[in-house]
PDB file of N, CA and C in Angstrom:
ATOM      1  N   MET A   1       2.277 -23.703  -8.164  1.00  0.00           N
ATOM      2  CA  MET A   1       2.684 -22.317  -8.048  1.00  0.00           C
ATOM      3  C   MET A   1       2.084 -21.111  -8.941  1.00  0.00           C
ATOM      4  N   ALA A   2       2.419 -21.501 -10.214  1.00  0.00           N
ATOM      5  CA  ALA A   2       1.396 -20.427 -10.993  1.00  0.00           C
ATOM      6  C   ALA A   2       0.015 -19.914 -10.601  1.00  0.00           C
ATOM      7  N   LEU A   3      -0.654 -21.237 -10.274  1.00  0.00           N
ATOM      8  CA  LEU A   3      -1.989 -20.273 -10.097  1.00  0.00           C
ATOM      9  C   LEU A   3      -1.973 -19.704  -8.777  1.00  0.00           C
ATOM     10  N   VAL A   4      -1.345 -20.217  -7.709  1.00  0.00           N
ATOM     11  CA  VAL A   4      -1.302 -19.366  -6.714  1.00  0.00           C
ATOM     12  C   VAL A   4      -0.794 -17.798  -7.007  1.00  0.00           C
ATOM     13  N   VAL A   5       0.242 -17.499  -7.786  1.00  0.00           N
ATOM     14  CA  VAL A   5       0.808 -16.299  -8.009  1.00  0.00           C
ATOM     15  C   VAL A   5      -0.422 -15.603  -8.712  1.00  0.00           C
ATOM     16  N   SER A   6      -1.012 -16.222  -9.634  1.00  0.00           N
ATOM     17  CA  SER A   6      -2.040 -15.602 -10.539  1.00  0.00           C
ATOM     18  C   SER A   6      -3.288 -15.126  -9.519  1.00  0.00           C
ATOM     19  N   ARG A   7      -3.732 -15.829  -8.642  1.00  0.00           N
ATOM     20  CA  ARG A   7      -4.629 -15.351  -7.592  1.00  0.00           C
ATOM     21  C   ARG A   7      -4.382 -14.172  -6.885  1.00  0.00           C
ATOM     22  N   ILE A   8      -2.867 -14.032  -6.372  1.00  0.00           N
ATOM     23  CA  ILE A   8      -2.262 -12.763  -5.895  1.00  0.00           C
ATOM     24  C   ILE A   8      -2.456 -12.039  -6.642  1.00  0.00           C
ATOM     25  N   LEU A   9      -1.854 -12.060  -7.617  1.00  0.00           N
ATOM     26  CA  LEU A   9      -2.041 -10.755  -8.916  1.00  0.00           C
ATOM     27  C   LEU A   9      -3.535 -10.445  -8.932  1.00  0.00           C
ATOM     28  N   SER A  10      -4.348 -11.437  -9.170  1.00  0.00           N
ATOM     29  CA  SER A  10      -5.375 -11.089  -9.521  1.00  0.00           C
ATOM     30  C   SER A  10      -6.193 -10.133  -8.184  1.00  0.00           C
ATOM     31  N   ALA A  11      -5.828 -10.728  -7.045  1.00  0.00           N
ATOM     32  CA  ALA A  11      -6.281  -9.672  -5.888  1.00  0.00           C
ATOM     33  C   ALA A  11      -5.854  -8.435  -5.745  1.00  0.00           C
ATOM     34  N   ALA A  12      -4.577  -8.551  -5.988  1.00  0.00           N
ATOM     35  CA  ALA A  12      -3.771  -7.060  -5.824  1.00  0.00           C
ATOM     36  C   ALA A  12      -4.087  -6.199  -7.242  1.00  0.00           C
ATOM     37  N   LEU A  13      -4.745  -6.557  -8.282  1.00  0.00           N
ATOM     38  CA  LEU A  13      -5.339  -5.696  -9.234  1.00  0.00           C
ATOM     39  C   LEU A  13      -6.536  -5.193  -9.085  1.00  0.00           C
ATOM     40  N   LYS A  14      -7.366  -6.126  -8.496  1.00  0.00           N
ATOM     41  CA  LYS A  14      -8.443  -5.653  -7.955  1.00  0.00           C
ATOM     42  C   LYS A  14      -8.705  -4.589  -6.991  1.00  0.00           C
ATOM     43  N   ILE A  15      -7.532  -4.706  -5.941  1.00  0.00           N
ATOM     44  CA  ILE A  15      -7.332  -3.661  -4.947  1.00  0.00           C
ATOM     45  C   ILE A  15      -6.973  -2.076  -5.856  1.00  0.00           C
ATOM     46  N   LEU A  16      -6.123  -2.363  -6.664  1.00  0.00           N
ATOM     47  CA  LEU A  16      -5.361  -1.332  -7.529  1.00  0.00           C
ATOM     48  C   LEU A  16      -6.594  -0.585  -8.174  1.00  0.00           C
ATOM     49  N   GLY A  17      -7.568  -1.399  -8.972  1.00  0.00           N
ATOM     50  CA  GLY A  17      -8.830  -0.721  -9.551  1.00  0.00           C
ATOM     51  C   GLY A  17      -9.877   0.010  -8.591  1.00  0.00           C
ATOM     52  N   ARG A  18      -9.775  -0.341  -7.180  1.00  0.00           N
ATOM     53  CA  ARG A  18     -10.720   0.425  -6.287  1.00  0.00           C
ATOM     54  C   ARG A  18     -10.242   1.811  -6.036  1.00  0.00           C
ATOM     55  N   GLY A  19      -9.026   1.934  -6.193  1.00  0.00           N
ATOM     56  CA  GLY A  19      -8.677   3.402  -5.766  1.00  0.00           C
ATOM     57  C   GLY A  19      -8.208   3.732  -4.333  1.00  0.00           C
ATOM     58  N   GLU A  20      -8.382   2.654  -3.942  1.00  0.00           N
ATOM     59  CA  GLU A  20      -8.615   2.920  -2.210  1.00  0.00           C
ATOM     60  C   GLU A  20      -8.413   1.918  -1.262  1.00  0.00           C
ATOM     61  N   LEU A  21      -7.688   1.829  -0.071  1.00  0.00           N
ATOM     62  CA  LEU A  21      -7.115   0.484   0.562  1.00  0.00           C
ATOM     63  C   LEU A  21      -7.629   1.214   1.732  1.00  0.00           C
ATOM     64  N   GLN A  22      -8.230   0.761   2.801  1.00  0.00           N
ATOM     65  CA  GLN A  22      -8.649   1.191   4.100  1.00  0.00           C
ATOM     66  C   GLN A  22      -8.219  -0.002   5.017  1.00  0.00           C
ATOM     67  N   GLY A  23      -7.282   0.183   6.109  1.00  0.00           N
ATOM     68  CA  GLY A  23      -6.626  -0.814   6.739  1.00  0.00           C
ATOM     69  C   GLY A  23      -6.353  -0.296   8.098  1.00  0.00           C
ATOM     70  N   ARG A  24      -5.536  -1.196   8.734  1.00  0.00           N
ATOM     71  CA  ARG A  24      -5.056  -0.459  10.149  1.00  0.00           C
ATOM     72  C   ARG A  24      -3.517  -1.248  10.430  1.00  0.00           C
ATOM     73  N   ARG A  25      -2.952  -0.469  10.765  1.00  0.00           N
ATOM     74  CA  ARG A  25      -1.347  -0.701  10.872  1.00  0.00           C
ATOM     75  C   ARG A  25      -1.474  -1.389  12.477  1.00  0.00           C
ATOM     76  N   PRO A  26      -1.021  -2.552  12.603  1.00  0.00           N
ATOM     77  CA  PRO A  26      -1.145  -3.442  13.910  1.00  0.00           C
ATOM     78  C   PRO A  26       0.157  -2.996  14.697  1.00  0.00           C
ATOM     79  N   VAL A  27      -0.033  -2.429  16.054  1.00  0.00           N
ATOM     80  CA  VAL A  27       1.130  -1.836  16.861  1.00  0.00           C
ATOM     81  C   VAL A  27       0.775  -2.871  18.171  1.00  0.00           C
ATOM     82  N   ALA A  28       2.090  -3.128  18.636  1.00  0.00           N
ATOM     83  CA  ALA A  28       2.153  -4.095  19.820  1.00  0.00           C
ATOM     84  C   ALA A  28       1.696  -3.763  20.819  1.00  0.00           C
ATOM     85  N   GLY A  29       0.770  -4.122  21.567  1.00  0.00           N
ATOM     86  CA  GLY A  29       0.220  -3.566  22.802  1.00  0.00           C
ATOM     87  C   GLY A  29      -1.302  -2.980  22.743  1.00  0.00           C
ATOM     88  N   GLY A  30      -1.496  -2.526  21.252  1.00  0.00           N
ATOM     89  CA  GLY A  30      -2.407  -1.884  21.164  1.00  0.00           C
ATOM     90  C   GLY A  30      -3.384  -2.141  19.807  1.00  0.00           C
ATOM     91  N   ASP A  31      -4.250  -1.349  19.631  1.00  0.00           N
ATOM     92  CA  ASP A  31      -5.317  -1.826  18.799  1.00  0.00           C
ATOM     93  C   ASP A  31      -4.992  -1.340  17.422  1.00  0.00           C
ATOM     94  N   GLY A  32      -3.575  -0.764  17.015  1.00  0.00           N
ATOM     95  CA  GLY A  32      -3.042  -0.076  15.847  1.00  0.00           C
ATOM     96  C   GLY A  32      -3.912   0.906  15.331  1.00  0.00           C
ATOM     97  N   HIS A  33      -3.172   1.400  14.139  1.00  0.00           N
ATOM     98  CA  HIS A  33      -3.802   2.797  13.500  1.00  0.00           C
ATOM     99  C   HIS A  33      -4.398   2.528  12.313  1.00  0.00           C
ATOM    100  N   PRO A  34      -5.494   3.438  12.683  1.00  0.00           N
ATOM    101  CA  PRO A  34      -6.628   3.080  11.226  1.00  0.00           C
ATOM    102  C   PRO A  34      -5.855   3.960  10.071  1.00  0.00           C
ATOM    103  N   TYR A  35      -5.894   3.722   9.143  1.00  0.00           N
ATOM    104  CA  TYR A  35      -5.460   4.268   7.654  1.00  0.00           C
ATOM    105  C   TYR A  35      -6.455   4.246   6.400  1.00  0.00           C
ATOM    106  N   THR A  36      -6.450   5.110   5.519  1.00  0.00           N
ATOM    107  CA  THR A  36      -6.544   5.168   4.014  1.00  0.00           C
ATOM    108  C   THR A  36      -5.713   5.581   3.054  1.00  0.00           C
ATOM    109  N   LEU A  37      -5.625   4.571   1.981  1.00  0.00           N
ATOM    110  CA  LEU A  37      -4.585   5.034   1.284  1.00  0.00           C
ATOM    111  C   LEU A  37      -5.154   5.161   0.114  1.00  0.00           C
ATOM    112  N   ARG A  38      -5.211   6.479  -0.712  1.00  0.00           N
ATOM    113  CA  ARG A  38      -5.870   6.628  -1.919  1.00  0.00           C
ATOM    114  C   ARG A  38      -4.696   6.748  -3.119  1.00  0.00           C
ATOM    115  N   TRP A  39      -5.179   6.633  -4.173  1.00  0.00           N
ATOM    116  CA  TRP A  39      -4.305   6.674  -5.514  1.00  0.00           C
ATOM    117  C   TRP A  39      -5.037   6.848  -6.822  1.00  0.00           C
ATOM    118  N   ASN A  40      -4.085   7.259  -7.942  1.00  0.00           N
ATOM    119  CA  ASN A  40      -4.996   7.488  -9.027  1.00  0.00           C
ATOM    120  C   ASN A  40      -5.519   6.052  -9.103  1.00  0.00           C
ATOM    121  N   ARG A  41      -6.456   6.160 -10.010  1.00  0.00           N
ATOM    122  CA  ARG A  41      -6.963   4.613 -10.782  1.00  0.00           C
ATOM    123  C   ARG A  41      -6.332   4.124 -11.504  1.00  0.00           C
ATOM    124  N   VAL A  42      -6.524   3.150 -11.996  1.00  0.00           N
ATOM    125  CA  VAL A  42      -5.290   2.271 -12.953  1.00  0.00           C
ATOM    126  C   VAL A  42      -4.692   3.104 -13.802  1.00  0.00           C
ATOM    127  N   ALA A  43      -3.681   2.485 -13.838  1.00  0.00           N
ATOM    128  CA  ALA A  43      -2.793   3.193 -14.910  1.00  0.00           C
ATOM    129  C   ALA A  43      -1.696   2.565 -15.140  1.00  0.00           C
ATOM    130  N   ALA A  44      -1.074   3.094 -16.087  1.00  0.00           N
ATOM    131  CA  ALA A  44      -0.117   1.893 -17.128  1.00  0.00           C
ATOM    132  C   ALA A  44       1.406   1.501 -15.753  1.00  0.00           C
ATOM    133  N   THR A  45       1.665   0.413 -16.156  1.00  0.00           N
ATOM    134  CA  THR A  45       2.758  -0.252 -15.128  1.00  0.00           C
ATOM    135  C   THR A  45       4.029   0.924 -14.819  1.00  0.00           C
ATOM    136  N   MET A  46       4.384   1.646 -15.946  1.00  0.00           N
ATOM    137  CA  MET A  46       5.585   2.363 -15.638  1.00  0.00           C
ATOM    138  C   MET A  46       5.014   3.974 -15.021  1.00  0.00           C
ATOM    139  N   GLU A  47       3.559   4.497 -14.965  1.00  0.00           N
ATOM    140  CA  GLU A  47       3.027   5.283 -14.771  1.00  0.00           C
ATOM    141  C   GLU A  47       3.007   5.780 -13.157  1.00  0.00           C
ATOM    142  N   ARG A  48       3.557   6.888 -13.135  1.00  0.00           N
ATOM    143  CA  ARG A  48       3.473   7.068 -11.361  1.00  0.00           C
ATOM    144  C   ARG A  48       1.964   7.240 -10.747  1.00  0.00           C
ATOM    145  N   GLN A  49       1.803   6.719  -9.762  1.00  0.00           N
ATOM    146  CA  GLN A  49       0.691   7.271  -9.035  1.00  0.00           C
ATOM    147  C   GLN A  49       0.872   8.046  -7.935  1.00  0.00           C
ATOM    148  N   ASP A  50      -0.070   8.961  -7.809  1.00  0.00           N
ATOM    149  CA  ASP A  50       0.264  10.036  -6.762  1.00  0.00           C
ATOM    150  C   ASP A  50      -0.573   9.406  -5.925  1.00  0.00           C
ATOM    151  N   CYS A  51      -0.194   9.283  -4.446  1.00  0.00           N
ATOM    152  CA  CYS A  51      -0.761   8.422  -3.620  1.00  0.00           C
ATOM    153  C   CYS A  51      -1.124   9.365  -2.284  1.00  0.00           C
ATOM    154  N   GLN A  52      -2.085   8.996  -1.691  1.00  0.00           N
ATOM    155  CA  GLN A  52      -2.025  10.141  -0.668  1.00  0.00           C
ATOM    156  C   GLN A  52      -2.616   9.315   0.725  1.00  0.00           C
ATOM    157  N   PRO A  53      -1.795   8.740   1.603  1.00  0.00           N
ATOM    158  CA  PRO A  53      -2.153   8.026   2.879  1.00  0.00           C
ATOM    159  C   PRO A  53      -2.684   8.964   4.001  1.00  0.00           C
ATOM    160  N   ARG A  54      -3.634   8.402   4.511  1.00  0.00           N
ATOM    161  CA  ARG A  54      -4.341   9.403   5.685  1.00  0.00           C
ATOM    162  C   ARG A  54      -4.809   8.603   7.079  1.00  0.00           C
ATOM    163  N   PHE A  55      -4.357   9.384   7.994  1.00  0.00           N
ATOM    164  CA  PHE A  55      -4.431   8.632   9.413  1.00  0.00           C
ATOM    165  C   PHE A  55      -5.412   9.535  10.306  1.00  0.00           C
ATOM    166  N   PRO A  56      -6.756   9.119  10.023  1.00  0.00           N
ATOM    167  CA  PRO A  56      -7.252   9.980  10.913  1.00  0.00           C
ATOM    168  C   PRO A  56      -7.049  10.452  12.389  1.00  0.00           C
ATOM    169  N   VAL A  57      -6.610   9.303  13.104  1.00  0.00           N
ATOM    170  CA  VAL A  57      -6.166  10.025  14.466  1.00  0.00           C
ATOM    171  C   VAL A  57      -4.835  10.415  14.686  1.00  0.00           C
ATOM    172  N   HIS A  58      -4.251  10.480  13.343  1.00  0.00           N
ATOM    173  CA  HIS A  58      -2.685  11.135  13.765  1.00  0.00           C
ATOM    174  C   HIS A  58      -2.957  12.085  12.286  1.00  0.00           C
ATOM    175  N   PRO A  59      -3.359  13.122  11.884  1.00  0.00           N
ATOM    176  CA  PRO A  59      -3.320  13.863  10.607  1.00  0.00           C
ATOM    177  C   PRO A  59      -1.857  14.099  10.355  1.00  0.00           C
ATOM    178  N   GLU A  60      -0.944  14.335  11.472  1.00  0.00           N
ATOM    179  CA  GLU A  60       0.090  14.886  11.456  1.00  0.00           C
ATOM    180  C   GLU A  60       1.175  14.424  10.752  1.00  0.00           C
ATOM    181  N   VAL A  61       0.756  12.860  10.298  1.00  0.00           N
ATOM    182  CA  VAL A  61       1.583  12.359   9.797  1.00  0.00           C
ATOM    183  C   VAL A  61       1.383  12.215   8.443  1.00  0.00           C
ATOM    184  N   ASP A  62       0.157  12.127   8.090  1.00  0.00           N
ATOM    185  CA  ASP A  62      -0.137  12.216   6.500  1.00  0.00           C
ATOM    186  C   ASP A  62       0.685  13.258   5.600  1.00  0.00           C
ATOM    187  N   VAL A  63       1.420  12.276   4.438  1.00  0.00           N
ATOM    188  CA  VAL A  63       2.408  12.668   3.778  1.00  0.00           C
ATOM    189  C   VAL A  63       2.370  11.929   2.343  1.00  0.00           C
ATOM    190  N   ASP A  64       1.745  12.845   1.357  1.00  0.00           N
ATOM    191  CA  ASP A  64       1.514  12.222  -0.111  1.00  0.00           C
ATOM    192  C   ASP A  64       3.067  11.670  -1.018  1.00  0.00           C
ATOM    193  N   PHE A  65       2.862  10.913  -1.609  1.00  0.00           N
ATOM    194  CA  PHE A  65       3.898  10.598  -2.406  1.00  0.00           C
ATOM    195  C   PHE A  65       3.633   9.827  -3.749  1.00  0.00           C
ATOM    196  N   ALA A  66       4.627   9.626  -4.588  1.00  0.00           N
ATOM    197  CA  ALA A  66       4.407   8.990  -5.726  1.00  0.00           C
ATOM    198  C   ALA A  66       5.379   7.985  -6.151  1.00  0.00           C
ATOM    199  N   VAL A  67       4.736   6.830  -6.554  1.00  0.00           N
ATOM    200  CA  VAL A  67       5.461   5.373  -6.755  1.00  0.00           C
ATOM    201  C   VAL A  67       4.795   4.936  -8.303  1.00  0.00           C
ATOM    202  N   THR A  68       5.505   4.245  -8.589  1.00  0.00           N
ATOM    203  CA  THR A  68       5.237   3.397 -10.304  1.00  0.00           C
ATOM    204  C   THR A  68       4.035   2.731  -9.897  1.00  0.00           C
ATOM    205  N   THR A  69       3.085   2.350 -11.138  1.00  0.00           N
ATOM    206  CA  THR A  69       2.004   1.779 -10.408  1.00  0.00           C
ATOM    207  C   THR A  69       2.628   0.147 -10.233  1.00  0.00           C
ATOM    208  N   HIS A  70       3.833  -0.184 -10.965  1.00  0.00           N
ATOM    209  CA  HIS A  70       4.058  -1.603 -10.516  1.00  0.00           C
ATOM    210  C   HIS A  70       4.341  -1.697  -9.030  1.00  0.00           C
ATOM    211  N   GLN A  71       5.253  -0.822  -8.756  1.00  0.00           N
ATOM    212  CA  GLN A  71       5.467  -0.866  -7.331  1.00  0.00           C
ATOM    213  C   GLN A  71       4.159  -0.877  -6.362  1.00  0.00           C
ATOM    214  N   LEU A  72       3.393  -0.432  -6.662  1.00  0.00           N
ATOM    215  CA  LEU A  72       2.234  -0.220  -5.890  1.00  0.00           C
ATOM    216  C   LEU A  72       1.528  -1.699  -6.080  1.00  0.00           C
ATOM    217  N   VAL A  73       1.434  -2.038  -7.105  1.00  0.00           N
ATOM    218  CA  VAL A  73       0.649  -3.706  -7.405  1.00  0.00           C
ATOM    219  C   VAL A  73       1.690  -4.496  -6.485  1.00  0.00           C
ATOM    220  N   ALA A  74       3.022  -4.466  -6.363  1.00  0.00           N
ATOM    221  CA  ALA A  74       3.753  -5.334  -6.091  1.00  0.00           C
ATOM    222  C   ALA A  74       3.427  -5.087  -4.356  1.00  0.00           C
ATOM    223  N   TRP A  75       3.255  -4.363  -3.577  1.00  0.00           N
ATOM    224  CA  TRP A  75       2.965  -3.981  -2.386  1.00  0.00           C
ATOM    225  C   TRP A  75       1.642  -4.817  -2.144  1.00  0.00           C
ATOM    226  N   PHE A  76       0.810  -4.501  -3.157  1.00  0.00           N
ATOM    227  CA  PHE A  76      -0.753  -4.826  -2.751  1.00  0.00           C
ATOM    228  C   PHE A  76      -0.445  -6.840  -2.859  1.00  0.00           C
ATOM    229  N   MET A  77       0.285  -7.081  -3.610  1.00  0.00           N
ATOM    230  CA  MET A  77       0.390  -8.721  -4.094  1.00  0.00           C
ATOM    231  C   MET A  77       1.409  -9.024  -2.565  1.00  0.00           C
ATOM    232  N   ASP A  78       2.110  -8.540  -2.070  1.00  0.00           N
ATOM    233  CA  ASP A  78       2.700  -8.780  -0.898  1.00  0.00           C
ATOM    234  C   ASP A  78       1.855  -9.048   0.507  1.00  0.00           C
ATOM    235  N   ARG A  79       0.820  -8.167   0.321  1.00  0.00           N
ATOM    236  CA  ARG A  79      -0.441  -8.153   1.537  1.00  0.00           C
ATOM    237  C   ARG A  79      -1.633  -9.052   1.136  1.00  0.00           C
ATOM    238  N   SER A  80      -1.873  -9.622  -0.116  1.00  0.00           N
ATOM    239  CA  SER A  80      -3.087 -10.116  -0.647  1.00  0.00           C
ATOM    240  C   SER A  80      -3.045 -11.442   0.165  1.00  0.00           C
ATOM    241  N   HIS A  81      -2.086 -12.100   0.511  1.00  0.00           N
ATOM    242  CA  HIS A  81      -2.401 -13.222   0.911  1.00  0.00           C
ATOM    243  C   HIS A  81      -2.238 -12.990   2.510  1.00  0.00           C
ATOM    244  N   VAL A  82      -2.353 -12.247   3.213  1.00  0.00           N
ATOM    245  CA  VAL A  82      -2.281 -12.007   4.605  1.00  0.00           C
ATOM    246  C   VAL A  82      -3.994 -12.153   5.372  1.00  0.00           C
ATOM    247  N   GLN A  83      -4.041 -12.617   5.967  1.00  0.00           N
ATOM    248  CA  GLN A  83      -5.503 -12.712   6.523  1.00  0.00           C
ATOM    249  C   GLN A  83      -5.915 -12.192   7.991  1.00  0.00           C
ATOM    250  N   ARG A  84      -5.997 -11.097   8.019  1.00  0.00           N
ATOM    251  CA  ARG A  84      -6.397 -10.485   8.757  1.00  0.00           C
ATOM    252  C   ARG A  84      -7.921 -10.102   9.011  1.00  0.00           C
ATOM    253  N   SER A  85      -8.272  -9.551  10.131  1.00  0.00           N
ATOM    254  CA  SER A  85      -9.668  -8.686  10.464  1.00  0.00           C
ATOM    255  C   SER A  85      -9.797  -7.640   9.437  1.00  0.00           C
ATOM    256  N   GLU A  86      -8.697  -7.089   9.318  1.00  0.00           N
ATOM    257  CA  GLU A  86      -8.660  -5.617   8.671  1.00  0.00           C
ATOM    258  C   GLU A  86      -7.162  -5.955   7.906  1.00  0.00           C
ATOM    259  N   PRO A  87      -7.591  -5.384   6.545  1.00  0.00           N
ATOM    260  CA  PRO A  87      -6.248  -5.418   5.736  1.00  0.00           C
ATOM    261  C   PRO A  87      -5.158  -4.457   6.135  1.00  0.00           C
ATOM    262  N   ASP A  88      -3.994  -4.727   5.607  1.00  0.00           N
ATOM    263  CA  ASP A  88      -2.589  -4.168   6.157  1.00  0.00           C
ATOM    264  C   ASP A  88      -1.691  -4.194   4.860  1.00  0.00           C
ATOM    265  N   LEU A  89      -0.714  -3.359   4.837  1.00  0.00           N
ATOM    266  CA  LEU A  89       0.359  -3.233   3.945  1.00  0.00           C
ATOM    267  C   LEU A  89       1.604  -3.665   4.376  1.00  0.00           C
ATOM    268  N   PRO A  90       1.946  -4.125   3.311  1.00  0.00           N
ATOM    269  CA  PRO A  90       3.336  -4.909   4.230  1.00  0.00           C
ATOM    270  C   PRO A  90       4.598  -4.351   4.935  1.00  0.00           C
ATOM    271  N   ASN A  91       5.288  -4.839   5.552  1.00  0.00           N
ATOM    272  CA  ASN A  91       6.160  -4.267   6.262  1.00  0.00           C
ATOM    273  C   ASN A  91       7.095  -3.225   5.377  1.00  0.00           C
ATOM    274  N   GLY A  92       7.489  -3.986   3.983  1.00  0.00           N
ATOM    275  CA  GLY A  92       8.581  -3.383   3.156  1.00  0.00           C
ATOM    276  C   GLY A  92       7.687  -2.079   2.633  1.00  0.00           C
ATOM    277  N   PHE A  93       6.302  -1.854   2.786  1.00  0.00           N
ATOM    278  CA  PHE A  93       5.962  -0.558   2.347  1.00  0.00           C
ATOM    279  C   PHE A  93       5.936   0.038   3.234  1.00  0.00           C
ATOM    280  N   TRP A  94       5.733   0.117   4.646  1.00  0.00           N
ATOM    281  CA  TRP A  94       6.176   0.733   5.677  1.00  0.00           C
ATOM    282  C   TRP A  94       7.621   1.436   6.074  1.00  0.00           C
ATOM    283  N   GLN A  95       8.139   0.398   5.807  1.00  0.00           N
ATOM    284  CA  GLN A  95      10.032   0.850   5.970  1.00  0.00           C
ATOM    285  C   GLN A  95      10.365   1.594   4.834  1.00  0.00           C
ATOM    286  N   TRP A  96       9.747   1.612   3.443  1.00  0.00           N
ATOM    287  CA  TRP A  96      10.011   2.559   2.240  1.00  0.00           C
ATOM    288  C   TRP A  96       9.036   3.746   2.738  1.00  0.00           C
ATOM    289  N   LEU A  97       8.032   3.892   3.473  1.00  0.00           N
ATOM    290  CA  LEU A  97       7.277   5.208   3.664  1.00  0.00           C
ATOM    291  C   LEU A  97       7.857   6.056   4.853  1.00  0.00           C
ATOM    292  N   LEU A  98       8.553   5.316   5.754  1.00  0.00           N
ATOM    293  CA  LEU A  98       9.225   6.059   7.015  1.00  0.00           C
ATOM    294  C   LEU A  98      10.311   6.343   6.687  1.00  0.00           C
ATOM    295  N   ILE A  99      11.305   5.439   6.005  1.00  0.00           N
ATOM    296  CA  ILE A  99      12.599   5.626   6.095  1.00  0.00           C
ATOM    297  C   ILE A  99      13.490   5.936   4.805  1.00  0.00           C
ATOM    298  N   LYS A 100      13.286   5.343   3.676  1.00  0.00           N
ATOM    299  CA  LYS A 100      13.783   5.513   2.441  1.00  0.00           C
ATOM    300  C   LYS A 100      12.880   6.524   1.684  1.00  0.00           C
ATOM    301  N   ARG A 101      11.707   6.952   2.077  1.00  0.00           N
ATOM    302  CA  ARG A 101      11.119   7.675   0.538  1.00  0.00           C
ATOM    303  C   ARG A 101      11.592   9.087   0.614  1.00  0.00           C
ATOM    304  N   GLY A 102      12.170   9.659   2.013  1.00  0.00           N
ATOM    305  CA  GLY A 102      12.488  10.971   1.497  1.00  0.00           C
ATOM    306  C   GLY A 102      13.959  10.976   1.153  1.00  0.00           C
ATOM    307  N   ASP A 103      14.776   9.830   1.566  1.00  0.00           N
ATOM    308  CA  ASP A 103      16.077   9.792   0.829  1.00  0.00           C
ATOM    309  C   ASP A 103      16.327   9.378  -0.553  1.00  0.00           C
ATOM    310  N   ALA A 104      15.447   8.483  -0.908  1.00  0.00           N
ATOM    311  CA  ALA A 104      15.652   8.001  -2.106  1.00  0.00           C
ATOM    312  C   ALA A 104      14.200   7.638  -2.778  1.00  0.00           C
ATOM    313  N   PRO A 105      13.483   8.588  -3.384  1.00  0.00           N
ATOM    314  CA  PRO A 105      12.189   8.236  -3.851  1.00  0.00           C
ATOM    315  C   PRO A 105      12.260   7.717  -4.686  1.00  0.00           C
ATOM    316  N   GLU A 106      13.375   7.648  -5.991  1.00  0.00           N
ATOM    317  CA  GLU A 106      13.248   6.945  -7.319  1.00  0.00           C
ATOM    318  C   GLU A 106      13.380   5.563  -7.200  1.00  0.00           C
ATOM    319  N   GLN A 107      13.976   4.919  -6.046  1.00  0.00           N
ATOM    320  CA  GLN A 107      14.284   3.845  -5.607  1.00  0.00           C
ATOM    321  C   GLN A 107      13.008   2.599  -5.126  1.00  0.00           C
ATOM    322  N   ALA A 108      11.846   3.219  -4.662  1.00  0.00           N
ATOM    323  CA  ALA A 108      10.799   2.282  -4.496  1.00  0.00           C
ATOM    324  C   ALA A 108      10.502   1.366  -5.503  1.00  0.00           C
TER     325      ALA A 108
END
């Protein structure tokens, strides 16, 4: 179990170090929505990361936000084990971004 967690954390930290994740959010009955998420490069666990999600097909939904580094890593860990042709962030990220972010950004 510890080895699995170690591998997932290692993969998440590699993503964090890149400063960018290109992915596609699946949509039932369609090809999904391509996106790019950019953030500050590596920062301390409790530092805020300024994040910029960009949706080339729907630029009207681009909305910048900030979360702590450990929250970003947690989302990357949650998606690290998913094997798809294109990466995606976990449902928890999308729910937070679309629902909770505006109401309670400090709860991220």
